[in-house]
Amino acid sequence: MKSATGFYAATLVAAGLVLAPIASAQTSSPTAPSVTAPSPSSSTIPDKKLDAVAAAAKKVVAVSDMYEQKIAKAPEADRQRLASEAREATAKAVSEEGLSIDEYATIMQTAQNDSSLRDRLIQRLK
């Protein structure tokens, strides 16, 4: 049996991985120069943002689970459309929490690499 902390950590990873392709697609524009912002540190992310990220992560995982099942059962011809719907639903889940896709993805990436931030986020997922 998985520990509760392991479950929440897995939720973080899943929620972060679902949005990685969306964030990179939105930031790569042929006319915009590529600028990489420095990653925030655990101490610079306010609790209010972490609350929003945790709420969004729960929604992102739910959307991902739902569409994963739909795509698996769908005929090949419908899978691309469903994947597009999934990306849109995921982006909407994040924006409903007052976050941009880039902001969400950056915080999730930071949480995967920063144990202090990850622990703060896991507490909010419980």
N, C-alpha and C. Protein backbone atom coordinates (compact mmCIF):
# COMPACT_ATOMS: atom_id res chain seq x y z
N MET A 1 0.84 -1.19 0.00
CA MET A 1 0.00 0.00 0.00
C MET A 1 0.88 1.25 0.00
N LYS A 2 0.52 2.20 -0.80
CA LYS A 2 1.27 3.45 -0.91
C LYS A 2 0.99 4.33 0.29
N SER A 3 2.02 5.03 0.77
CA SER A 3 1.80 5.98 1.85
C SER A 3 1.06 7.19 1.31
N ALA A 4 0.42 7.93 2.20
CA ALA A 4 -0.32 9.13 1.78
C ALA A 4 0.63 10.14 1.16
N THR A 5 1.81 10.30 1.75
CA THR A 5 2.77 11.25 1.20
C THR A 5 3.20 10.82 -0.20
N GLY A 6 3.39 9.53 -0.40
CA GLY A 6 3.75 9.02 -1.72
C GLY A 6 2.66 9.31 -2.73
N PHE A 7 1.40 9.16 -2.32
CA PHE A 7 0.28 9.45 -3.21
C PHE A 7 0.28 10.92 -3.60
N TYR A 8 0.46 11.80 -2.64
CA TYR A 8 0.45 13.23 -2.94
C TYR A 8 1.65 13.63 -3.80
N ALA A 9 2.78 13.02 -3.54
CA ALA A 9 3.95 13.30 -4.38
C ALA A 9 3.69 12.83 -5.81
N ALA A 10 3.07 11.66 -5.95
CA ALA A 10 2.73 11.16 -7.28
C ALA A 10 1.73 12.08 -7.97
N THR A 11 0.80 12.63 -7.20
CA THR A 11 -0.16 13.59 -7.75
C THR A 11 0.56 14.82 -8.27
N LEU A 12 1.54 15.29 -7.51
CA LEU A 12 2.32 16.46 -7.96
C LEU A 12 3.04 16.17 -9.26
N VAL A 13 3.66 15.02 -9.33
CA VAL A 13 4.40 14.67 -10.54
C VAL A 13 3.45 14.57 -11.72
N ALA A 14 2.32 13.89 -11.51
CA ALA A 14 1.35 13.73 -12.60
C ALA A 14 0.81 15.08 -13.05
N ALA A 15 0.46 15.92 -12.10
CA ALA A 15 -0.09 17.23 -12.44
C ALA A 15 0.95 18.10 -13.14
N GLY A 16 2.19 17.97 -12.77
CA GLY A 16 3.24 18.73 -13.43
C GLY A 16 3.53 18.22 -14.83
N LEU A 17 3.53 16.91 -15.00
CA LEU A 17 3.84 16.34 -16.30
C LEU A 17 2.73 16.58 -17.32
N VAL A 18 1.49 16.62 -16.86
CA VAL A 18 0.37 16.86 -17.77
C VAL A 18 0.51 18.22 -18.42
N LEU A 19 0.95 19.20 -17.66
CA LEU A 19 1.00 20.55 -18.19
C LEU A 19 2.30 20.90 -18.89
N ALA A 20 3.32 20.11 -18.74
CA ALA A 20 4.60 20.44 -19.37
C ALA A 20 4.46 20.68 -20.87
N PRO A 21 3.78 19.80 -21.62
CA PRO A 21 3.67 20.05 -23.06
C PRO A 21 2.84 21.31 -23.37
N ILE A 22 1.84 21.59 -22.56
CA ILE A 22 1.00 22.77 -22.78
C ILE A 22 1.82 24.03 -22.55
N ALA A 23 2.56 24.06 -21.47
CA ALA A 23 3.36 25.24 -21.15
C ALA A 23 4.41 25.48 -22.22
N SER A 24 5.05 24.43 -22.67
CA SER A 24 6.08 24.63 -23.68
C SER A 24 5.48 25.03 -25.02
N ALA A 25 4.31 24.55 -25.34
CA ALA A 25 3.65 24.93 -26.59
C ALA A 25 3.24 26.40 -26.55
N GLN A 26 2.82 26.87 -25.38
CA GLN A 26 2.39 28.25 -25.28
C GLN A 26 3.55 29.22 -25.25
N THR A 27 4.69 28.78 -24.79
CA THR A 27 5.82 29.70 -24.69
C THR A 27 6.69 29.72 -25.94
N SER A 28 6.55 28.72 -26.80
CA SER A 28 7.39 28.72 -27.99
C SER A 28 6.62 29.31 -29.16
N SER A 29 6.98 30.51 -29.47
CA SER A 29 6.38 31.23 -30.58
C SER A 29 7.48 31.58 -31.55
N PRO A 30 7.23 31.45 -32.84
CA PRO A 30 8.30 31.72 -33.79
C PRO A 30 8.76 33.18 -33.79
N THR A 31 7.90 34.10 -33.32
CA THR A 31 8.27 35.50 -33.36
C THR A 31 8.77 36.02 -32.01
N ALA A 32 8.52 35.27 -30.95
CA ALA A 32 8.92 35.74 -29.62
C ALA A 32 10.30 35.20 -29.27
N PRO A 33 11.16 36.06 -28.75
CA PRO A 33 12.47 35.56 -28.33
C PRO A 33 12.31 34.66 -27.10
N SER A 34 13.17 33.70 -26.98
CA SER A 34 13.11 32.78 -25.85
C SER A 34 13.85 33.38 -24.66
N VAL A 35 13.11 33.62 -23.59
CA VAL A 35 13.69 34.16 -22.36
C VAL A 35 13.33 33.21 -21.24
N THR A 36 14.32 32.73 -20.54
CA THR A 36 14.07 31.83 -19.44
C THR A 36 14.14 32.60 -18.14
N ALA A 37 13.01 32.62 -17.43
CA ALA A 37 12.97 33.30 -16.14
C ALA A 37 13.61 32.41 -15.09
N PRO A 38 14.23 33.01 -14.10
CA PRO A 38 14.82 32.19 -13.04
C PRO A 38 13.73 31.47 -12.27
N SER A 39 14.00 30.26 -11.86
CA SER A 39 13.03 29.51 -11.07
C SER A 39 12.87 30.14 -9.71
N PRO A 40 11.62 30.20 -9.23
CA PRO A 40 11.42 30.75 -7.90
C PRO A 40 11.96 29.78 -6.85
N SER A 41 12.27 30.29 -5.69
CA SER A 41 12.70 29.41 -4.61
C SER A 41 11.51 29.18 -3.69
N SER A 42 11.65 28.19 -2.84
CA SER A 42 10.58 27.84 -1.92
C SER A 42 10.12 29.04 -1.10
N SER A 43 11.07 29.87 -0.69
CA SER A 43 10.73 30.99 0.19
C SER A 43 10.09 32.16 -0.54
N THR A 44 10.20 32.21 -1.87
CA THR A 44 9.63 33.34 -2.60
C THR A 44 8.22 33.09 -3.10
N ILE A 45 7.71 31.88 -2.95
CA ILE A 45 6.36 31.57 -3.41
C ILE A 45 5.40 31.71 -2.23
N PRO A 46 4.46 32.67 -2.32
CA PRO A 46 3.55 32.89 -1.21
C PRO A 46 2.56 31.73 -1.02
N ASP A 47 2.08 31.60 0.20
CA ASP A 47 1.13 30.55 0.54
C ASP A 47 -0.11 30.60 -0.35
N LYS A 48 -0.56 31.79 -0.68
CA LYS A 48 -1.75 31.93 -1.51
C LYS A 48 -1.54 31.29 -2.89
N LYS A 49 -0.35 31.46 -3.45
CA LYS A 49 -0.03 30.83 -4.74
C LYS A 49 0.01 29.31 -4.61
N LEU A 50 0.59 28.84 -3.52
CA LEU A 50 0.65 27.39 -3.32
C LEU A 50 -0.74 26.80 -3.14
N ASP A 51 -1.63 27.54 -2.47
CA ASP A 51 -3.02 27.09 -2.34
C ASP A 51 -3.65 26.95 -3.72
N ALA A 52 -3.41 27.93 -4.58
CA ALA A 52 -3.96 27.90 -5.94
C ALA A 52 -3.35 26.75 -6.75
N VAL A 53 -2.06 26.54 -6.62
CA VAL A 53 -1.40 25.45 -7.35
C VAL A 53 -1.94 24.10 -6.89
N ALA A 54 -2.13 23.92 -5.60
CA ALA A 54 -2.65 22.66 -5.07
C ALA A 54 -4.07 22.42 -5.59
N ALA A 55 -4.91 23.45 -5.57
CA ALA A 55 -6.28 23.31 -6.07
C ALA A 55 -6.26 22.98 -7.56
N ALA A 56 -5.40 23.66 -8.30
CA ALA A 56 -5.29 23.40 -9.74
C ALA A 56 -4.77 21.99 -10.00
N ALA A 57 -3.80 21.55 -9.21
CA ALA A 57 -3.23 20.21 -9.40
C ALA A 57 -4.29 19.13 -9.24
N LYS A 58 -5.17 19.30 -8.27
CA LYS A 58 -6.25 18.33 -8.07
C LYS A 58 -7.15 18.29 -9.31
N LYS A 59 -7.47 19.46 -9.85
CA LYS A 59 -8.31 19.52 -11.05
C LYS A 59 -7.58 18.93 -12.26
N VAL A 60 -6.30 19.24 -12.39
CA VAL A 60 -5.51 18.75 -13.52
C VAL A 60 -5.47 17.23 -13.52
N VAL A 61 -5.26 16.64 -12.36
CA VAL A 61 -5.21 15.18 -12.27
C VAL A 61 -6.57 14.58 -12.63
N ALA A 62 -7.66 15.20 -12.16
CA ALA A 62 -9.00 14.71 -12.49
C ALA A 62 -9.26 14.78 -13.99
N VAL A 63 -8.91 15.89 -14.60
CA VAL A 63 -9.08 16.05 -16.05
C VAL A 63 -8.23 15.02 -16.79
N SER A 64 -7.00 14.85 -16.36
CA SER A 64 -6.10 13.90 -16.99
C SER A 64 -6.65 12.48 -16.91
N ASP A 65 -7.12 12.10 -15.74
CA ASP A 65 -7.69 10.76 -15.56
C ASP A 65 -8.89 10.55 -16.48
N MET A 66 -9.77 11.54 -16.53
CA MET A 66 -10.99 11.43 -17.34
C MET A 66 -10.64 11.29 -18.82
N TYR A 67 -9.75 12.16 -19.30
CA TYR A 67 -9.42 12.11 -20.73
C TYR A 67 -8.55 10.92 -21.08
N GLU A 68 -7.74 10.46 -20.16
CA GLU A 68 -6.93 9.27 -20.43
C GLU A 68 -7.84 8.09 -20.74
N GLN A 69 -8.91 7.96 -19.96
CA GLN A 69 -9.87 6.87 -20.19
C GLN A 69 -10.62 7.07 -21.51
N LYS A 70 -11.04 8.31 -21.78
CA LYS A 70 -11.76 8.59 -23.03
C LYS A 70 -10.89 8.28 -24.24
N ILE A 71 -9.64 8.72 -24.19
CA ILE A 71 -8.73 8.52 -25.32
C ILE A 71 -8.45 7.03 -25.52
N ALA A 72 -8.29 6.31 -24.44
CA ALA A 72 -8.00 4.88 -24.54
C ALA A 72 -9.15 4.13 -25.20
N LYS A 73 -10.39 4.57 -24.96
CA LYS A 73 -11.56 3.88 -25.51
C LYS A 73 -11.97 4.41 -26.88
N ALA A 74 -11.45 5.55 -27.27
CA ALA A 74 -11.88 6.20 -28.51
C ALA A 74 -11.26 5.55 -29.73
N PRO A 75 -11.97 5.64 -30.85
CA PRO A 75 -11.37 5.21 -32.11
C PRO A 75 -10.17 6.11 -32.45
N GLU A 76 -9.24 5.58 -33.18
CA GLU A 76 -8.01 6.31 -33.53
C GLU A 76 -8.32 7.69 -34.12
N ALA A 77 -9.35 7.78 -34.93
CA ALA A 77 -9.69 9.04 -35.60
C ALA A 77 -10.10 10.15 -34.61
N ASP A 78 -10.56 9.78 -33.42
CA ASP A 78 -11.02 10.77 -32.44
C ASP A 78 -9.96 11.15 -31.41
N ARG A 79 -8.88 10.43 -31.38
CA ARG A 79 -7.89 10.63 -30.31
C ARG A 79 -7.22 11.99 -30.34
N GLN A 80 -6.90 12.50 -31.50
CA GLN A 80 -6.26 13.81 -31.60
C GLN A 80 -7.19 14.90 -31.07
N ARG A 81 -8.46 14.83 -31.47
CA ARG A 81 -9.45 15.80 -31.01
C ARG A 81 -9.60 15.74 -29.49
N LEU A 82 -9.66 14.53 -28.95
CA LEU A 82 -9.79 14.38 -27.50
C LEU A 82 -8.55 14.90 -26.77
N ALA A 83 -7.38 14.67 -27.34
CA ALA A 83 -6.14 15.18 -26.73
C ALA A 83 -6.16 16.71 -26.71
N SER A 84 -6.66 17.31 -27.76
CA SER A 84 -6.78 18.76 -27.80
C SER A 84 -7.78 19.26 -26.76
N GLU A 85 -8.91 18.58 -26.64
CA GLU A 85 -9.89 18.92 -25.60
C GLU A 85 -9.28 18.81 -24.21
N ALA A 86 -8.48 17.77 -24.00
CA ALA A 86 -7.83 17.56 -22.71
C ALA A 86 -6.89 18.71 -22.39
N ARG A 87 -6.11 19.16 -23.38
CA ARG A 87 -5.20 20.30 -23.16
C ARG A 87 -5.99 21.55 -22.79
N GLU A 88 -7.09 21.79 -23.49
CA GLU A 88 -7.92 22.96 -23.20
C GLU A 88 -8.54 22.88 -21.80
N ALA A 89 -9.04 21.69 -21.44
CA ALA A 89 -9.65 21.51 -20.12
C ALA A 89 -8.61 21.68 -19.01
N THR A 90 -7.41 21.21 -19.27
CA THR A 90 -6.33 21.35 -18.29
C THR A 90 -5.96 22.82 -18.12
N ALA A 91 -5.82 23.52 -19.21
CA ALA A 91 -5.49 24.95 -19.14
C ALA A 91 -6.59 25.71 -18.41
N LYS A 92 -7.84 25.35 -18.67
CA LYS A 92 -8.96 26.01 -18.00
C LYS A 92 -8.93 25.73 -16.50
N ALA A 93 -8.62 24.50 -16.12
CA ALA A 93 -8.55 24.14 -14.70
C ALA A 93 -7.51 24.98 -13.97
N VAL A 94 -6.41 25.25 -14.64
CA VAL A 94 -5.35 26.07 -14.03
C VAL A 94 -5.77 27.53 -13.98
N SER A 95 -6.30 28.03 -15.07
CA SER A 95 -6.68 29.46 -15.11
C SER A 95 -7.83 29.77 -14.16
N GLU A 96 -8.69 28.80 -13.90
CA GLU A 96 -9.78 29.01 -12.93
C GLU A 96 -9.25 29.27 -11.52
N GLU A 97 -8.03 28.86 -11.27
CA GLU A 97 -7.41 29.08 -9.96
C GLU A 97 -6.59 30.36 -9.94
N GLY A 98 -6.67 31.14 -11.01
CA GLY A 98 -5.98 32.43 -11.06
C GLY A 98 -4.50 32.34 -11.42
N LEU A 99 -4.13 31.26 -12.08
CA LEU A 99 -2.73 31.04 -12.46
C LEU A 99 -2.60 30.99 -13.97
N SER A 100 -1.45 31.41 -14.46
CA SER A 100 -1.14 31.18 -15.87
C SER A 100 -0.55 29.78 -15.99
N ILE A 101 -0.56 29.24 -17.18
CA ILE A 101 0.03 27.93 -17.41
C ILE A 101 1.52 27.95 -17.07
N ASP A 102 2.20 28.99 -17.50
CA ASP A 102 3.64 29.10 -17.21
C ASP A 102 3.91 29.16 -15.72
N GLU A 103 3.12 29.96 -15.01
CA GLU A 103 3.29 30.10 -13.57
C GLU A 103 3.08 28.76 -12.86
N TYR A 104 2.02 28.07 -13.23
CA TYR A 104 1.72 26.76 -12.65
C TYR A 104 2.85 25.77 -12.94
N ALA A 105 3.25 25.71 -14.20
CA ALA A 105 4.30 24.76 -14.59
C ALA A 105 5.62 25.06 -13.89
N THR A 106 5.95 26.34 -13.75
CA THR A 106 7.19 26.72 -13.08
C THR A 106 7.17 26.32 -11.61
N ILE A 107 6.06 26.56 -10.95
CA ILE A 107 5.96 26.20 -9.53
C ILE A 107 6.00 24.68 -9.37
N MET A 108 5.31 23.96 -10.26
CA MET A 108 5.34 22.49 -10.19
C MET A 108 6.76 21.97 -10.42
N GLN A 109 7.45 22.53 -11.38
CA GLN A 109 8.83 22.10 -11.65
C GLN A 109 9.72 22.40 -10.46
N THR A 110 9.56 23.57 -9.87
CA THR A 110 10.35 23.94 -8.70
C THR A 110 10.06 22.98 -7.54
N ALA A 111 8.78 22.62 -7.37
CA ALA A 111 8.40 21.70 -6.29
C ALA A 111 9.03 20.32 -6.49
N GLN A 112 9.18 19.91 -7.73
CA GLN A 112 9.80 18.61 -7.98
C GLN A 112 11.28 18.61 -7.61
N ASN A 113 11.91 19.78 -7.65
CA ASN A 113 13.34 19.88 -7.36
C ASN A 113 13.67 20.44 -5.98
N ASP A 114 12.68 20.97 -5.29
CA ASP A 114 12.89 21.63 -4.00
C ASP A 114 12.04 20.93 -2.95
N SER A 115 12.67 20.15 -2.09
CA SER A 115 11.92 19.33 -1.12
C SER A 115 11.11 20.18 -0.15
N SER A 116 11.59 21.34 0.21
CA SER A 116 10.85 22.21 1.12
C SER A 116 9.55 22.68 0.48
N LEU A 117 9.63 23.12 -0.77
CA LEU A 117 8.44 23.56 -1.49
C LEU A 117 7.51 22.37 -1.73
N ARG A 118 8.07 21.24 -2.10
CA ARG A 118 7.27 20.04 -2.32
C ARG A 118 6.49 19.68 -1.07
N ASP A 119 7.13 19.73 0.09
CA ASP A 119 6.45 19.42 1.35
C ASP A 119 5.31 20.41 1.63
N ARG A 120 5.57 21.69 1.36
CA ARG A 120 4.51 22.71 1.55
C ARG A 120 3.32 22.43 0.63
N LEU A 121 3.60 22.02 -0.57
CA LEU A 121 2.55 21.73 -1.53
C LEU A 121 1.79 20.46 -1.16
N ILE A 122 2.52 19.45 -0.74
CA ILE A 122 1.88 18.18 -0.32
C ILE A 122 0.92 18.44 0.83
N GLN A 123 1.30 19.27 1.76
CA GLN A 123 0.40 19.60 2.88
C GLN A 123 -0.92 20.17 2.38
N ARG A 124 -0.87 20.95 1.33
CA ARG A 124 -2.08 21.56 0.78
C ARG A 124 -2.91 20.56 -0.02
N LEU A 125 -2.30 19.51 -0.50
CA LEU A 125 -3.03 18.51 -1.26
C LEU A 125 -3.80 17.54 -0.37
N LYS A 126 -3.49 17.52 0.89
CA LYS A 126 -4.13 16.58 1.82
C LYS A 126 -5.53 16.97 2.15
